[in-house]
Amino acid sequence: MINKINKFFKNNEFSPSKQRGQNFLIDQNIINNVVEAVSKINPSKVLEIGPGLGAISEQLIKRFADNYYAIELDKKLFHHLNERLLKDHILHADALEIDWKSIFDNLGDNPTMVGNLPYNISSKLIKKFILSTYRCAIIMVQKEMGLRLLAKINSKDYSAFSALCQYSLSVSKIIEINETAFIPQPKVRSTLLFLEKKDIAFNEGYEKFLKLIFLSRRKTILNNLKNNYDPKLIIQSLVSLGFKKTSRAQELSPTQLFSLYESLSKLC
């Protein structure tokens, strides 16, 4: 596999882009893990984000055929994939811009997104997944992003993004991936995750609230919110929900934070 990749680089004068997070998967065991994880979901449709050189794509197409599509932004990779794989099922587009729903005529009851997400846009792609009509996702992210998505309350990785994702999604770790599984090798490990939507509508107000409440981890909720809410009402809401007046955002679960948001929204 490494020889084929190097041959592609040479023949196409291709240099992997750090900005686009172009690290190509070469470990067959990890490829198998991804495909097995997708298959277990029994997806109605599969959308792959950034298929790269098609290591995972080939296996997914064998299993899902016309129920598979991929989005590739890089022009050289797009042409390479379109020649080798299921023609017209590889789209040359920006995954952040294209409407995922429009790709399939009928999404079915369990549309699933798959991808090795570039670090610099992984949070944007995850939020787009939350807002989309797709039900599940199998994603590879840098270990740091994985820690944020899986973070427990009171941990250093627990943040506004953690709370937002965990309120909307069930997040579970499938496997940790070594740097040697990719070419070129990234500087950090990656994590393979399974995301599944909860039956909860996305709330833009809650997202803004989380950004305020996590503004400074050292400050209390009261101090982070007092410029946007009446301090008396903040204390009233905290006490009524059974929280201490000196509580900090990282001490509350995503559900508790949403309860506080709802309480303040009703009072203010």
Protein backbone atom coordinates (compact mmCIF):
# COMPACT_ATOMS: atom_id res chain seq x y z
CA MET A 1 0.00 0.00 0.00
CA ILE A 2 2.84 2.40 0.85
CA ASN A 3 4.45 1.80 -2.56
CA LYS A 4 1.16 2.59 -4.33
CA ILE A 5 0.77 5.80 -2.37
CA ASN A 6 4.33 6.93 -3.09
CA LYS A 7 3.79 6.10 -6.76
CA PHE A 8 0.67 8.28 -6.80
CA PHE A 9 2.60 11.13 -5.15
CA LYS A 10 5.36 10.90 -7.76
CA ASN A 11 3.18 10.42 -10.86
CA ASN A 12 0.84 13.25 -9.92
CA GLU A 13 3.42 15.63 -8.41
CA PHE A 14 1.33 15.49 -5.26
CA SER A 15 2.44 16.80 -1.87
CA PRO A 16 0.10 16.13 1.09
CA SER A 17 -1.29 19.35 2.50
CA LYS A 18 -0.88 19.92 6.25
CA GLN A 19 -3.56 22.60 6.07
CA ARG A 20 -6.08 20.07 4.73
CA GLY A 21 -4.94 17.39 7.15
CA GLN A 22 -3.92 15.00 4.39
CA ASN A 23 -2.61 11.98 6.30
CA PHE A 24 -3.51 8.81 4.43
CA LEU A 25 -4.51 5.65 6.29
CA ILE A 26 -2.24 2.66 5.53
CA ASP A 27 -2.99 0.27 8.41
CA GLN A 28 -5.28 -2.51 7.16
CA ASN A 29 -6.40 -3.38 10.69
CA ILE A 30 -7.65 0.17 11.25
CA ILE A 31 -9.35 0.17 7.84
CA ASN A 32 -11.12 -3.05 8.86
CA ASN A 33 -12.12 -1.50 12.20
CA VAL A 34 -13.71 1.45 10.44
CA VAL A 35 -15.61 -0.68 7.93
CA GLU A 36 -16.81 -3.07 10.65
CA ALA A 37 -17.97 -0.17 12.80
CA VAL A 38 -19.97 1.26 9.89
CA SER A 39 -21.45 -2.13 9.02
CA LYS A 40 -22.64 -2.71 12.61
CA ILE A 41 -24.77 0.43 12.37
CA ASN A 42 -26.56 -1.04 9.35
CA PRO A 43 -26.72 2.35 7.62
CA SER A 44 -29.33 3.20 5.02
CA LYS A 45 -26.80 5.52 3.32
CA VAL A 46 -23.09 6.20 3.80
CA LEU A 47 -21.44 9.58 3.18
CA GLU A 48 -17.65 9.66 3.44
CA ILE A 49 -15.95 12.99 4.09
CA GLY A 50 -12.45 13.32 2.63
CA PRO A 51 -11.86 9.81 1.26
CA GLY A 52 -8.27 10.68 0.33
CA LEU A 53 -6.82 7.84 -1.75
CA GLY A 54 -9.77 5.55 -1.10
CA ALA A 55 -8.39 3.03 1.41
CA ILE A 56 -11.69 2.95 3.33
CA SER A 57 -13.82 3.87 0.31
CA GLU A 58 -13.02 0.67 -1.60
CA GLN A 59 -14.31 -1.49 1.25
CA LEU A 60 -17.40 0.66 1.84
CA ILE A 61 -18.33 0.55 -1.86
CA LYS A 62 -18.10 -3.26 -1.85
CA ARG A 63 -20.62 -3.36 0.97
CA PHE A 64 -22.93 -0.44 0.19
CA ALA A 65 -22.54 0.18 -3.58
CA ASP A 66 -25.09 2.78 -4.77
CA ASN A 67 -25.87 3.73 -1.16
CA TYR A 68 -22.38 5.22 -0.87
CA TYR A 69 -21.19 8.74 -1.77
CA ALA A 70 -18.03 10.66 -0.91
CA ILE A 71 -17.01 14.32 -0.85
CA GLU A 72 -13.41 15.20 -1.77
CA LEU A 73 -12.15 18.77 -1.96
CA ASP A 74 -8.70 18.10 -3.44
CA LYS A 75 -8.90 18.13 -7.24
CA LYS A 76 -6.12 15.57 -7.87
CA LEU A 77 -7.53 13.15 -5.31
CA PHE A 78 -11.03 13.63 -6.72
CA HIS A 79 -9.92 12.69 -10.25
CA HIS A 80 -7.94 9.73 -8.94
CA LEU A 81 -10.94 8.41 -7.00
CA ASN A 82 -13.43 9.07 -9.78
CA GLU A 83 -11.35 6.96 -12.16
CA ARG A 84 -10.79 4.07 -9.72
CA LEU A 85 -14.01 3.85 -7.75
CA LEU A 86 -17.76 4.13 -8.27
CA LYS A 87 -18.00 6.82 -10.96
CA ASP A 88 -20.26 9.79 -10.22
CA HIS A 89 -20.42 8.82 -6.54
CA ILE A 90 -17.33 10.90 -5.71
CA LEU A 91 -18.24 14.58 -5.46
CA HIS A 92 -15.72 17.38 -5.92
CA ALA A 93 -16.94 19.78 -3.24
CA ASP A 94 -16.32 21.39 0.15
CA ALA A 95 -17.96 19.27 2.86
CA LEU A 96 -18.64 22.39 4.90
CA GLU A 97 -20.49 24.08 2.04
CA ILE A 98 -22.44 21.32 0.29
CA ASP A 99 -25.90 20.28 1.52
CA TRP A 100 -25.39 16.68 2.72
CA LYS A 101 -29.10 15.91 2.51
CA SER A 102 -29.25 16.74 -1.20
CA ILE A 103 -26.63 14.13 -2.12
CA PHE A 104 -29.06 11.21 -1.86
CA ASP A 105 -32.58 11.05 -3.29
CA ASN A 106 -33.76 9.32 -0.12
CA LEU A 107 -31.69 9.18 3.07
CA GLY A 108 -33.63 6.33 4.63
CA ASP A 109 -33.89 5.80 8.37
CA ASN A 110 -30.21 5.59 9.33
CA PRO A 111 -27.94 7.77 7.17
CA THR A 112 -24.35 7.68 8.42
CA MET A 113 -21.34 9.94 7.98
CA VAL A 114 -17.79 8.53 7.89
CA GLY A 115 -14.52 10.39 7.76
CA ASN A 116 -10.96 11.07 8.81
CA LEU A 117 -11.64 14.67 9.78
CA PRO A 118 -8.95 17.35 9.25
CA TYR A 119 -8.09 18.81 12.66
CA ASN A 120 -8.56 22.46 11.67
CA ILE A 121 -12.19 21.93 10.62
CA SER A 122 -13.18 18.88 12.72
CA SER A 123 -15.28 20.91 15.18
CA LYS A 124 -17.12 22.60 12.28
CA LEU A 125 -17.81 19.25 10.62
CA ILE A 126 -19.05 17.75 13.89
CA LYS A 127 -21.40 20.70 14.40
CA LYS A 128 -22.63 20.31 10.82
CA PHE A 129 -23.29 16.65 11.56
CA ILE A 130 -25.32 17.65 14.65
CA LEU A 131 -27.38 20.05 12.52
CA SER A 132 -27.79 17.54 9.68
CA THR A 133 -30.40 14.82 9.21
CA TYR A 134 -27.70 12.13 9.46
CA ARG A 135 -28.19 9.80 12.40
CA CYS A 136 -24.76 8.29 13.10
CA ALA A 137 -21.10 8.97 12.41
CA ILE A 138 -17.85 7.00 12.52
CA ILE A 139 -15.04 9.53 12.62
CA MET A 140 -11.29 9.66 13.06
CA VAL A 141 -10.08 12.78 14.87
CA GLN A 142 -6.84 13.85 16.47
CA LYS A 143 -6.52 12.56 20.03
CA GLU A 144 -6.97 16.06 21.47
CA MET A 145 -10.37 16.40 19.78
CA GLY A 146 -11.31 12.93 20.96
CA LEU A 147 -10.52 13.91 24.54
CA ARG A 148 -12.74 16.98 24.23
CA LEU A 149 -15.64 14.97 22.86
CA LEU A 150 -15.33 12.30 25.57
CA ALA A 151 -14.44 14.65 28.45
CA LYS A 152 -16.02 14.13 31.87
CA ILE A 153 -17.10 16.97 34.14
CA ASN A 154 -14.30 18.53 36.21
CA SER A 155 -11.65 17.33 33.74
CA LYS A 156 -9.28 19.73 32.01
CA ASP A 157 -10.69 18.76 28.59
CA TYR A 158 -14.33 19.46 29.49
CA SER A 159 -15.41 22.60 27.63
CA ALA A 160 -18.33 24.40 26.00
CA PHE A 161 -17.80 22.22 22.92
CA SER A 162 -17.80 19.05 25.05
CA ALA A 163 -21.07 20.03 26.71
CA LEU A 164 -22.70 21.00 23.41
CA CYS A 165 -21.75 17.73 21.72
CA GLN A 166 -22.58 15.49 24.67
CA TYR A 167 -25.99 17.13 25.07
CA SER A 168 -26.82 16.39 21.42
CA LEU A 169 -24.87 13.15 20.91
CA SER A 170 -23.90 9.85 22.48
CA VAL A 171 -20.12 9.63 22.03
CA SER A 172 -18.09 6.46 22.43
CA LYS A 173 -14.49 5.52 21.70
CA ILE A 174 -13.86 2.59 19.37
CA ILE A 175 -10.06 2.53 19.26
CA GLU A 176 -6.97 4.73 19.57
CA ILE A 177 -4.83 4.94 16.45
CA ASN A 178 -1.03 5.26 16.39
CA GLU A 179 0.73 7.83 14.23
CA THR A 180 2.32 4.97 12.23
CA ALA A 181 -1.10 4.08 10.77
CA PHE A 182 -0.81 7.07 8.43
CA ILE A 183 1.44 8.42 5.69
CA PRO A 184 2.79 11.01 6.18
CA GLN A 185 2.80 10.39 9.92
CA PRO A 186 0.97 13.04 11.97
CA LYS A 187 2.65 14.32 15.13
CA VAL A 188 -0.09 13.01 17.42
CA ARG A 189 -2.29 9.95 17.79
CA SER A 190 -5.85 9.77 16.51
CA THR A 191 -9.05 8.34 17.95
CA LEU A 192 -11.84 6.47 16.17
CA LEU A 193 -15.23 7.48 17.56
CA PHE A 194 -18.86 6.49 17.19
CA LEU A 195 -21.37 9.36 17.36
CA GLU A 196 -25.10 8.83 17.57
CA LYS A 197 -27.74 11.55 17.64
CA LYS A 198 -30.02 11.91 20.64
CA ASP A 199 -33.65 12.83 20.04
CA ILE A 200 -32.94 16.41 21.07
CA ALA A 201 -33.36 19.44 18.82
CA PHE A 202 -30.30 21.66 18.44
CA ASN A 203 -30.65 24.90 20.38
CA GLU A 204 -28.59 27.85 19.13
CA GLY A 205 -29.32 29.82 22.30
CA TYR A 206 -27.82 27.04 24.40
CA GLU A 207 -24.67 27.08 22.27
CA LYS A 208 -24.22 30.82 22.90
CA PHE A 209 -24.96 30.29 26.60
CA LEU A 210 -22.23 27.64 26.84
CA LYS A 211 -19.66 29.97 25.30
CA LEU A 212 -20.50 32.56 27.97
CA ILE A 213 -20.56 30.18 30.92
CA PHE A 214 -17.17 28.64 29.97
CA LEU A 215 -15.61 32.03 29.20
CA SER A 216 -13.14 31.69 32.06
CA ARG A 217 -12.76 28.30 33.77
CA ARG A 218 -11.37 29.90 36.92
CA LYS A 219 -14.42 32.11 37.36
CA THR A 220 -17.72 31.04 38.84
CA ILE A 221 -20.85 30.76 36.72
CA LEU A 222 -22.10 33.94 38.38
CA ASN A 223 -19.01 35.91 37.36
CA ASN A 224 -19.04 34.57 33.79
CA LEU A 225 -22.72 35.38 33.26
CA LYS A 226 -23.24 38.59 35.26
CA ASN A 227 -22.62 40.89 32.27
CA ASN A 228 -25.40 39.20 30.32
CA TYR A 229 -27.88 38.20 33.04
CA ASP A 230 -29.14 39.80 36.27
CA PRO A 231 -26.87 38.44 39.05
CA LYS A 232 -29.87 37.98 41.38
CA LEU A 233 -31.60 35.80 38.78
CA ILE A 234 -28.42 33.77 38.23
CA ILE A 235 -28.23 33.01 41.95
CA GLN A 236 -31.98 32.28 42.05
CA SER A 237 -31.64 29.79 39.19
CA LEU A 238 -28.57 28.11 40.67
CA VAL A 239 -30.19 27.65 44.08
CA SER A 240 -33.53 26.48 42.66
CA LEU A 241 -31.73 23.75 40.71
CA GLY A 242 -29.74 22.64 43.74
CA PHE A 243 -26.38 24.10 42.68
CA LYS A 244 -24.00 26.14 44.82
CA LYS A 245 -23.77 29.89 44.28
CA THR A 246 -20.04 29.39 43.70
CA SER A 247 -20.48 26.64 41.09
CA ARG A 248 -18.24 26.64 38.03
CA ALA A 249 -19.32 25.53 34.57
CA GLN A 250 -16.99 22.52 34.49
CA GLU A 251 -18.73 21.11 37.60
CA LEU A 252 -22.07 20.71 35.80
CA SER A 253 -23.09 18.05 33.29
CA PRO A 254 -24.42 19.03 29.84
CA THR A 255 -27.98 18.29 31.03
CA GLN A 256 -27.52 20.37 34.18
CA LEU A 257 -26.11 23.23 32.13
CA PHE A 258 -29.14 23.07 29.84
CA SER A 259 -31.47 23.15 32.86
CA LEU A 260 -29.72 26.31 34.03
CA TYR A 261 -30.01 27.82 30.55
CA GLU A 262 -33.74 27.05 30.47
CA SER A 263 -34.28 28.48 33.94
CA LEU A 264 -32.51 31.75 33.12
CA SER A 265 -34.29 31.99 29.76
CA LYS A 266 -37.66 31.85 31.52
CA LEU A 267 -36.68 34.42 34.16
CA CYS A 268 -34.95 36.93 31.88
